[in-house]
Protein backbone atom coordinates (compact mmCIF):
# COMPACT_ATOMS: atom_id res chain seq x y z
CA UNK A 1 -9.65 4.17 14.49
CA UNK A 2 -10.73 1.09 13.06
CA UNK A 3 -14.06 -0.57 13.30
CA UNK A 4 -15.37 -3.54 13.37
CA UNK A 5 -18.35 -5.86 12.40
CA UNK A 6 -19.39 -8.85 14.25
CA UNK A 7 -21.26 -11.70 12.85
CA UNK A 8 -23.05 -14.54 14.84
CA UNK A 9 -25.67 -16.65 15.42
CA UNK A 10 -25.83 -16.91 19.33
CA UNK A 11 -26.02 -14.15 20.80
CA UNK A 12 -23.79 -14.88 23.85
CA UNK A 13 -21.18 -15.62 21.01
CA UNK A 14 -22.33 -12.55 20.77
CA UNK A 15 -21.91 -10.62 23.18
CA UNK A 16 -19.33 -12.19 25.22
CA UNK A 17 -16.91 -11.78 21.95
CA UNK A 18 -17.72 -7.73 22.03
CA UNK A 19 -17.71 -7.67 25.82
CA UNK A 20 -14.48 -8.97 26.73
CA UNK A 21 -11.37 -8.59 24.32
CA UNK A 22 -10.63 -5.25 24.90
CA UNK A 23 -11.28 -3.49 22.12
CA UNK A 24 -10.03 0.17 22.79
CA UNK A 25 -6.86 -0.70 23.74
CA UNK A 26 -6.28 -2.42 19.98
CA UNK A 27 -7.51 0.59 18.21
CA UNK A 28 -11.36 -1.12 17.28
CA UNK A 29 -14.47 0.33 17.82
CA UNK A 30 -17.32 -2.71 17.31
CA UNK A 31 -19.77 -0.06 15.76
CA UNK A 32 -22.12 -3.32 15.16
CA UNK A 33 -23.62 -7.03 15.73
CA UNK A 34 -25.68 -9.20 13.49
CA UNK A 35 -27.27 -12.29 13.81
CA UNK A 36 -27.44 -13.99 10.64
CA UNK A 37 -25.43 -13.86 7.23
CA UNK A 38 -28.11 -11.45 5.00
CA UNK A 39 -28.44 -9.21 8.22
CA UNK A 40 -24.88 -9.09 8.29
CA UNK A 41 -25.04 -8.26 4.73
CA UNK A 42 -27.12 -5.78 5.25
CA UNK A 43 -25.43 -3.58 7.95
CA UNK A 44 -21.65 -3.67 6.70
CA UNK A 45 -23.43 -2.43 3.90
CA UNK A 46 -24.66 0.86 6.06
CA UNK A 47 -21.52 0.89 8.47
CA UNK A 48 -18.73 0.10 5.79
CA UNK A 49 -16.90 -1.54 9.15
CA UNK A 50 -12.85 -2.47 7.96
CA UNK A 51 -13.09 -5.25 9.23
CA UNK A 52 -16.00 -8.84 10.51
CA UNK A 53 -15.64 -11.04 12.37
CA UNK A 54 -17.98 -13.66 11.07
CA UNK A 55 -19.64 -17.61 11.92
CA UNK A 56 -19.37 -19.18 9.03
CA UNK A 57 -22.03 -21.45 9.31
CA UNK A 58 -25.75 -19.39 10.38
CA UNK A 59 -28.99 -19.70 9.15
CA UNK A 60 -30.05 -17.39 6.38
CA UNK A 61 -27.44 -16.73 5.00
CA UNK A 62 -24.23 -18.36 5.89
CA UNK A 63 -20.68 -16.95 6.37
CA UNK A 64 -19.54 -17.91 2.63
CA UNK A 65 -21.79 -15.97 0.66
CA UNK A 66 -22.09 -13.16 2.64
CA UNK A 67 -18.72 -12.67 2.98
CA UNK A 68 -19.19 -13.55 -1.17
CA UNK A 69 -21.41 -10.82 -1.53
CA UNK A 70 -19.62 -8.57 0.65
CA UNK A 71 -16.55 -8.19 -0.89
CA UNK A 72 -18.03 -7.65 -4.03
CA UNK A 73 -19.29 -3.51 -2.78
CA UNK A 74 -16.80 -3.88 -0.20
CA UNK A 75 -13.28 -4.96 -1.51
CA UNK A 76 -11.19 -3.65 1.53
CA UNK A 77 -12.93 -5.15 4.16
CA UNK A 78 -11.01 -7.73 6.12
CA UNK A 79 -12.70 -11.08 7.39
CA UNK A 80 -11.56 -13.24 10.70
CA UNK A 81 -13.93 -16.50 10.65
CA UNK A 82 -15.35 -17.88 13.54
CA UNK A 83 -16.87 -21.68 13.58
CA UNK A 84 -17.69 -25.24 15.88
CA UNK A 85 -16.67 -27.21 12.59
CA UNK A 86 -13.14 -28.05 11.67
CA UNK A 87 -14.88 -28.66 7.88
CA UNK A 88 -12.57 -28.79 4.84
CA UNK A 89 -15.10 -27.24 3.01
CA UNK A 90 -15.32 -24.91 4.78
CA UNK A 91 -11.59 -23.37 5.45
CA UNK A 92 -11.32 -23.93 1.76
CA UNK A 93 -14.03 -21.67 1.11
CA UNK A 94 -11.94 -19.57 3.40
CA UNK A 95 -8.87 -19.43 1.62
CA UNK A 96 -10.81 -18.78 -1.39
CA UNK A 97 -11.94 -15.73 -0.02
CA UNK A 98 -8.11 -14.23 1.14
CA UNK A 99 -9.94 -14.46 5.34
CA UNK A 100 -7.06 -13.27 6.99
CA UNK A 101 -8.19 -15.93 10.45
CA UNK A 102 -10.05 -19.13 11.29
CA UNK A 103 -11.20 -19.42 14.17
CA UNK A 104 -12.57 -22.86 15.92
CA UNK A 105 -15.59 -22.75 18.98
CA UNK A 106 -14.53 -22.17 21.93
CA UNK A 107 -13.28 -19.20 21.37
CA UNK A 108 -9.57 -18.61 23.21
CA UNK A 109 -9.46 -14.43 23.43
CA UNK A 110 -5.53 -15.23 23.01
CA UNK A 111 -5.76 -17.26 19.43
CA UNK A 112 -9.12 -14.46 18.45
CA UNK A 113 -6.71 -11.23 19.68
CA UNK A 114 -4.05 -12.07 17.90
CA UNK A 115 -5.93 -12.74 14.86
CA UNK A 116 -7.30 -9.54 14.82
CA UNK A 117 -4.14 -7.44 15.22
CA UNK A 118 -2.65 -9.09 12.40
CA UNK A 119 -5.41 -8.59 10.19
CA UNK A 120 -4.99 -5.16 11.46
CA UNK A 121 -1.55 -4.86 11.02
CA UNK A 122 -2.04 -6.12 7.37
CA UNK A 123 -4.88 -2.92 7.01
CA UNK A 124 -2.98 -0.75 8.48
CA UNK A 125 0.44 -1.56 5.82
CA UNK A 126 -1.93 -1.35 3.26
CA UNK A 127 -3.47 2.20 4.55
CA UNK A 128 0.41 3.78 4.68
CA UNK A 129 1.00 2.69 1.11
CA UNK A 130 -2.11 3.87 0.04
CA UNK A 131 -1.08 7.05 1.64
CA UNK A 132 2.68 6.90 -0.10
CA UNK A 133 1.36 6.60 -3.18
CA UNK A 134 -0.85 9.25 -3.27
CA UNK A 135 1.79 11.41 -1.82
CA UNK A 136 4.11 10.76 -4.52
CA UNK A 137 1.50 11.18 -7.10
CA UNK A 138 0.96 14.49 -5.89
CA UNK A 139 4.99 14.75 -6.05
CA UNK A 140 4.17 14.38 -8.84
CA UNK A 141 1.44 16.43 -10.43
CA UNK A 142 3.37 19.92 -8.64
CA UNK A 143 6.95 18.50 -10.52
CA UNK A 144 4.43 18.18 -13.92
CA UNK A 145 5.77 21.89 -15.43
CA UNK A 146 9.23 21.35 -14.31
CA UNK A 147 10.01 17.61 -15.85
CA UNK A 148 7.31 18.49 -19.08
CA UNK A 149 9.63 21.65 -19.65
CA UNK A 150 12.42 19.70 -18.77
CA UNK A 151 11.02 16.85 -21.76
CA UNK A 152 10.30 20.02 -24.30
CA UNK A 153 14.24 21.42 -23.56
CA UNK A 154 16.11 17.30 -24.48
CA UNK A 155 13.72 16.81 -27.78
CA UNK A 156 14.45 20.08 -28.67
CA UNK A 157 17.99 18.99 -28.69
CA UNK A 158 17.92 16.10 -30.04
CA UNK A 159 18.78 14.55 -26.70
CA UNK A 160 15.68 12.09 -27.01
CA UNK A 161 15.73 9.67 -30.25
CA UNK A 162 13.90 6.43 -28.75
CA UNK A 163 10.09 7.33 -30.63
CA UNK A 164 9.27 4.25 -28.10
CA UNK A 165 10.64 6.35 -25.02
CA UNK A 166 9.63 10.14 -26.03
CA UNK A 167 5.90 8.46 -26.48
CA UNK A 168 6.13 6.29 -22.82
CA UNK A 169 8.01 10.23 -22.26
CA UNK A 170 5.04 11.79 -22.83
CA UNK A 171 1.89 10.26 -21.31
CA UNK A 172 4.29 9.68 -17.84
CA UNK A 173 4.34 13.44 -17.61
CA UNK A 174 0.79 14.27 -19.02
CA UNK A 175 2.24 15.71 -22.40
CA UNK A 176 -0.98 14.72 -25.50
CA UNK A 177 0.76 16.17 -28.94
CA UNK A 178 -1.24 13.53 -30.46
CA UNK A 179 -4.01 15.01 -33.66
CA UNK A 180 -2.54 18.33 -33.33
CA UNK A 181 0.39 20.43 -35.14
CA UNK A 182 3.13 22.16 -34.52
CA UNK A 183 5.85 24.13 -36.44
CA UNK A 184 8.84 24.59 -34.01
CA UNK A 185 11.92 27.04 -35.08
CA UNK A 186 15.73 26.46 -33.82
CA UNK A 187 17.46 29.79 -34.46
CA UNK A 188 21.41 29.19 -32.99
CA UNK A 189 22.96 32.84 -33.40
CA UNK A 190 26.59 33.00 -33.64
CA UNK A 191 28.50 35.58 -31.63
CA UNK A 192 25.64 38.02 -31.09
């Protein structure tokens, strides 16, 4: 299950969003609510939510500054902005921060739900990609001894001649001969 933090200085908006959306059916848990950007920043650092739904215009610290600070510490967190303003500067700030939705108030629950579903699918795809990468790294690490043995065999039999290719393969499979001296004896017995 994913987690979300709701940040809005308007108590009715905060509680309305929390109460009117079926978060459980979306596979998301509301882990906290914050009353302004500074509170939102502190809660985000404490709770490390997957998503933050934030008002743009708030006292103490606005949503843009809050998002910049949170992204510096929690770069994987995804943001959706809400605003009463259809203001170019806010929109530009949202685009610059790679915000995944910009919902105008009064909130249309269908529009907000669709934005949340969109950001959730992006996060899910990122997690699946990371799991696949981790699986490939695990498989490579398990295969390293065989790959290293094959590399040395190919090197000894003269199948590898390009120095750059040899260095790239060595780096890829984790062989480091630098600063070491080796002697190789190749003995071929005919008619043994």
